[in-house]
C-alpha atoms as a PDB file:
ATOM      1  CA  MET A   1     -35.988  -3.720  14.008  1.00  0.00           C
ATOM      2  CA  THR A   2     -38.325  -0.855  13.306  1.00  0.00           C
ATOM      3  CA  THR A   3     -38.073   1.464  10.359  1.00  0.00           C
ATOM      4  CA  ALA A   4     -37.237   4.399  12.648  1.00  0.00           C
ATOM      5  CA  LYS A   5     -34.316   2.512  14.194  1.00  0.00           C
ATOM      6  CA  ILE A   6     -32.992   1.540  10.764  1.00  0.00           C
ATOM      7  CA  GLU A   7     -33.216   5.136   9.536  1.00  0.00           C
ATOM      8  CA  ALA A   8     -31.470   6.402  12.684  1.00  0.00           C
ATOM      9  CA  SER A   9     -28.724   3.830  12.185  1.00  0.00           C
ATOM     10  CA  ASP A  10     -28.323   4.857   8.543  1.00  0.00           C
ATOM     11  CA  GLU A  11     -28.116   8.520   9.548  1.00  0.00           C
ATOM     12  CA  ARG A  12     -25.378   7.755  12.093  1.00  0.00           C
ATOM     13  CA  GLN A  13     -23.421   5.868   9.416  1.00  0.00           C
ATOM     14  CA  LEU A  14     -23.672   8.862   7.081  1.00  0.00           C
ATOM     15  CA  GLU A  15     -22.569  11.214   9.856  1.00  0.00           C
ATOM     16  CA  LEU A  16     -19.567   8.987  10.621  1.00  0.00           C
ATOM     17  CA  ARG A  17     -18.592   8.907   6.973  1.00  0.00           C
ATOM     18  CA  ALA A  18     -18.900  12.691   6.682  1.00  0.00           C
ATOM     19  CA  SER A  19     -16.737  13.192   9.768  1.00  0.00           C
ATOM     20  CA  ASP A  20     -14.201  10.711   8.371  1.00  0.00           C
ATOM     21  CA  LEU A  21     -13.977  12.724   5.170  1.00  0.00           C
ATOM     22  CA  LEU A  22     -13.248  15.893   7.127  1.00  0.00           C
ATOM     23  CA  ASP A  23     -10.643  14.261   9.374  1.00  0.00           C
ATOM     24  CA  PRO A  24      -7.149  15.296   8.179  1.00  0.00           C
ATOM     25  CA  ASN A  25      -5.638  11.991   9.311  1.00  0.00           C
ATOM     26  CA  ASN A  26      -8.148  10.068   7.235  1.00  0.00           C
ATOM     27  CA  GLN A  27      -7.419  12.248   4.206  1.00  0.00           C
ATOM     28  CA  ILE A  28      -3.699  11.584   4.583  1.00  0.00           C
ATOM     29  CA  GLY A  29      -4.359   7.853   4.873  1.00  0.00           C
ATOM     30  CA  VAL A  30      -6.495   7.823   1.740  1.00  0.00           C
ATOM     31  CA  ARG A  31      -3.839   9.682  -0.232  1.00  0.00           C
ATOM     32  CA  LEU A  32      -1.053   7.424   1.032  1.00  0.00           C
ATOM     33  CA  ARG A  33      -3.006   4.290   0.090  1.00  0.00           C
ATOM     34  CA  SER A  34      -3.644   5.749  -3.356  1.00  0.00           C
ATOM     35  CA  LEU A  35       0.046   6.571  -3.836  1.00  0.00           C
ATOM     36  CA  TYR A  36       1.109   3.118  -2.612  1.00  0.00           C
ATOM     37  CA  ALA A  37      -1.306   1.436  -5.026  1.00  0.00           C
ATOM     38  CA  ALA A  38       0.057   3.497  -7.918  1.00  0.00           C
ATOM     39  CA  VAL A  39       3.656   2.597  -7.040  1.00  0.00           C
ATOM     40  CA  GLN A  40       2.769  -1.108  -6.807  1.00  0.00           C
ATOM     41  CA  GLU A  41       1.473  -1.030 -10.373  1.00  0.00           C
ATOM     42  CA  GLU A  42       4.677   0.464 -11.785  1.00  0.00           C
ATOM     43  CA  ALA A  43       7.056  -1.843 -13.628  1.00  0.00           C
ATOM     44  CA  ILE A  44      10.504  -2.519 -12.186  1.00  0.00           C
ATOM     45  CA  PRO A  45      13.092  -0.635 -14.265  1.00  0.00           C
ATOM     46  CA  ASP A  46      15.424  -2.821 -16.354  1.00  0.00           C
ATOM     47  CA  ARG A  47      18.454  -1.108 -14.848  1.00  0.00           C
ATOM     48  CA  PHE A  48      17.391  -2.160 -11.366  1.00  0.00           C
ATOM     49  CA  LEU A  49      16.801  -5.743 -12.501  1.00  0.00           C
ATOM     50  CA  ASP A  50      20.288  -5.791 -14.058  1.00  0.00           C
ATOM     51  CA  LEU A  51      21.807  -4.577 -10.807  1.00  0.00           C
ATOM     52  CA  LEU A  52      19.997  -7.302  -8.866  1.00  0.00           C
ATOM     53  CA  GLU A  53      21.264  -9.922 -11.293  1.00  0.00           C
ATOM     54  CA  LYS A  54      24.858  -8.669 -10.905  1.00  0.00           C
ATOM     55  CA  LEU A  55      24.465  -8.806  -7.133  1.00  0.00           C
ATOM     56  CA  ASP A  56      23.263 -12.408  -7.321  1.00  0.00           C
ATOM     57  CA  GLN A  57      26.258 -13.339  -9.483  1.00  0.00           C
ATOM     58  CA  ALA A  58      28.667 -11.623  -7.097  1.00  0.00           C
ATOM     59  CA  GLU A  59      27.145 -13.441  -4.125  1.00  0.00           C
ATOM     60  CA  MET A  60      27.403 -16.809  -5.904  1.00  0.00           C
ATOM     61  CA  MET A  61      31.068 -16.157  -6.753  1.00  0.00           C
ATOM     62  CA  ALA A  62      31.796 -15.118  -3.169  1.00  0.00           C
ATOM     63  CA  SER A  63      30.132 -18.216  -1.735  1.00  0.00           C
ATOM     64  CA  ALA A  64      31.995 -20.426  -4.246  1.00  0.00           C
ATOM     65  CA  LYS A  65      35.316 -18.921  -3.140  1.00  0.00           C
ATOM     66  CA  MET A  66      34.411 -19.483   0.506  1.00  0.00           C
ATOM     67  CA  ALA A  67      33.657 -23.146  -0.227  1.00  0.00           C
ATOM     68  CA  GLU A  68      37.138 -23.721  -1.665  1.00  0.00           C
END
């Protein structure tokens, strides 16, 4: 590949990236991914974990009663 072709290819890549940055849909996608990543890193609140544990206990009791 010649140097001119490589430079032209690089210029097209830069143009595509610039147009992507200006695209509102792309901006929304970037922000949503950022928000999702931040939420994934958050710890699960203790209150929620307690509620899940109570639900598990209730389901075990219900299934034990059904088995009788």
